[in-house]
Protein backbone atom coordinates (compact mmCIF):
# COMPACT_ATOMS: atom_id res chain seq x y z
CA MET A 1 25.21 67.45 53.82
CA GLN A 2 28.30 64.24 53.23
CA ALA A 3 30.92 63.63 56.30
CA ARG A 4 34.29 64.92 54.87
CA ARG A 5 37.00 62.20 54.81
CA PRO A 6 39.77 62.75 56.55
CA ARG A 7 42.76 63.50 54.33
CA ILE A 8 45.64 61.19 54.64
CA ARG A 9 49.34 62.50 53.93
CA THR A 10 51.30 60.34 51.96
CA THR A 11 55.17 61.37 52.29
CA VAL A 12 57.54 60.00 49.79
CA LYS A 13 60.83 60.67 51.01
CA LYS A 14 63.24 61.81 48.33
CA LYS A 15 66.62 60.05 47.56
CA LYS A 16 69.23 62.77 49.25
CA PHE A 17 70.90 63.81 46.31
CA ASN A 18 74.64 62.65 45.97
CA THR A 19 76.82 64.65 43.73
CA ALA A 20 79.87 62.29 43.78
CA VAL A 21 77.68 58.99 42.79
CA GLU A 22 75.59 61.21 40.21
CA MET A 23 78.85 62.53 38.93
CA GLN A 24 80.04 59.34 38.55
CA SER A 25 76.70 58.23 36.69
CA PHE A 26 77.15 60.71 34.30
CA LEU A 27 80.45 59.86 33.93
CA GLU A 28 79.20 56.32 32.46
CA SER A 29 76.44 57.62 30.28
CA MET A 30 79.48 59.76 28.66
CA GLU A 31 81.57 56.71 27.92
CA GLY A 32 78.52 55.48 25.73
CA ALA A 33 77.73 58.22 24.23
CA ILE A 34 81.08 58.76 23.05
CA ARG A 35 81.44 54.96 22.23
CA ASN A 36 78.12 55.83 19.78
CA MET A 37 79.80 58.56 18.31
CA VAL A 38 83.42 56.63 17.65
CA ALA A 39 81.01 53.86 16.16
CA GLU A 40 79.31 56.22 13.49
CA ILE A 41 82.45 57.41 12.50
CA LYS A 42 84.14 54.52 11.72
CA LYS A 43 81.23 53.57 9.37
CA PRO A 44 82.32 53.90 5.97
CA VAL A 45 80.34 56.62 3.49
CA ASP A 46 78.54 55.03 1.11
CA PRO A 47 80.80 54.65 -2.39
CA ASP A 48 77.67 55.36 -4.47
CA LEU A 49 77.16 58.98 -2.77
CA THR A 50 77.67 61.79 -5.17
CA GLY A 51 77.70 65.18 -5.07
CA SER A 52 75.74 66.93 -2.35
CA SER A 53 74.66 63.98 -0.31
CA ARG A 54 77.95 62.90 -0.28
CA LYS A 55 79.56 66.34 1.42
CA ALA A 56 76.61 66.02 3.60
CA GLU A 57 77.35 62.64 4.44
CA LEU A 58 81.07 63.86 5.37
CA GLN A 59 79.91 66.97 7.14
CA ALA A 60 78.02 64.62 9.36
CA ILE A 61 80.89 62.92 9.84
CA LYS A 62 82.98 65.57 10.47
CA GLN A 63 80.30 67.21 13.01
CA THR A 64 80.22 63.68 14.87
CA ALA A 65 83.99 63.95 15.00
CA ALA A 66 84.08 67.80 16.55
CA ASP A 67 80.86 66.42 19.11
CA CYS A 68 83.11 63.43 20.53
CA LYS A 69 86.33 65.93 21.10
CA ASP A 70 84.13 67.89 22.61
CA MET A 71 82.79 65.29 24.88
CA PHE A 72 86.33 63.50 25.75
CA ARG A 73 86.54 67.14 27.36
CA MET A 74 84.29 67.83 28.88
CA ARG A 75 84.59 64.01 30.21
CA MET A 76 88.19 64.53 31.63
CA GLU A 77 86.69 68.28 33.43
CA THR A 78 83.83 65.82 35.04
CA GLU A 79 87.00 63.33 36.36
CA LYS A 80 88.97 65.49 37.47
CA MET A 81 86.52 67.69 39.62
CA LEU A 82 85.03 64.39 40.81
CA ARG A 83 88.72 63.36 41.87
CA GLU A 84 88.92 66.87 43.79
CA LEU A 85 85.49 65.74 45.25
CA GLN A 86 86.51 62.88 46.41
CA GLU A 87 90.19 64.08 47.55
CA ASN A 88 89.51 67.64 49.02
CA GLY A 89 85.44 66.93 49.98
CA GLY A 90 84.55 70.00 47.75
CA VAL A 91 84.87 70.78 43.84
CA GLU A 92 88.07 73.96 43.54
CA GLU A 93 87.28 76.99 41.73
CA GLU A 94 89.19 77.62 38.57
CA ARG A 95 91.31 80.63 38.77
CA ASP A 96 91.49 83.52 36.67
CA PHE A 97 94.93 84.01 35.41
CA SER A 98 94.34 86.80 32.62
CA ALA A 99 95.07 89.69 34.36
CA GLY A 100 99.09 90.05 35.27
CA PHE A 101 100.88 90.42 38.47
CA ALA A 102 101.10 94.38 37.56
CA GLU A 103 97.42 94.52 36.61
CA LYS A 104 96.04 93.98 40.53
CA TYR A 105 98.08 96.50 41.49
CA VAL A 106 97.33 99.57 39.52
CA ASP A 107 95.65 102.40 40.69
CA LYS A 108 92.15 102.30 39.05
CA THR A 109 90.88 105.85 39.08
């Protein structure tokens, strides 16, 4: 019977997750994505396209513009969260003001 070799344990230290650093990296990535989308929108539509192919090309540009708009919103929200994190040490929860003042005090039976 063969002698068992001792098991060598290798531990890999995981890099501690830093939310602020990762959010900044996310913002930089979003910046690149937004620039790519804007460059795609700026490209002229091929004048030789007609009919359904032209319509599909215009629809693709419209969808890219909508995606870019969503990306801007997301970037602004992320910037706000990062600012709160840096100023307060945490991210505040969004408050829901959909229910009015009186609705809070109505007797629910």
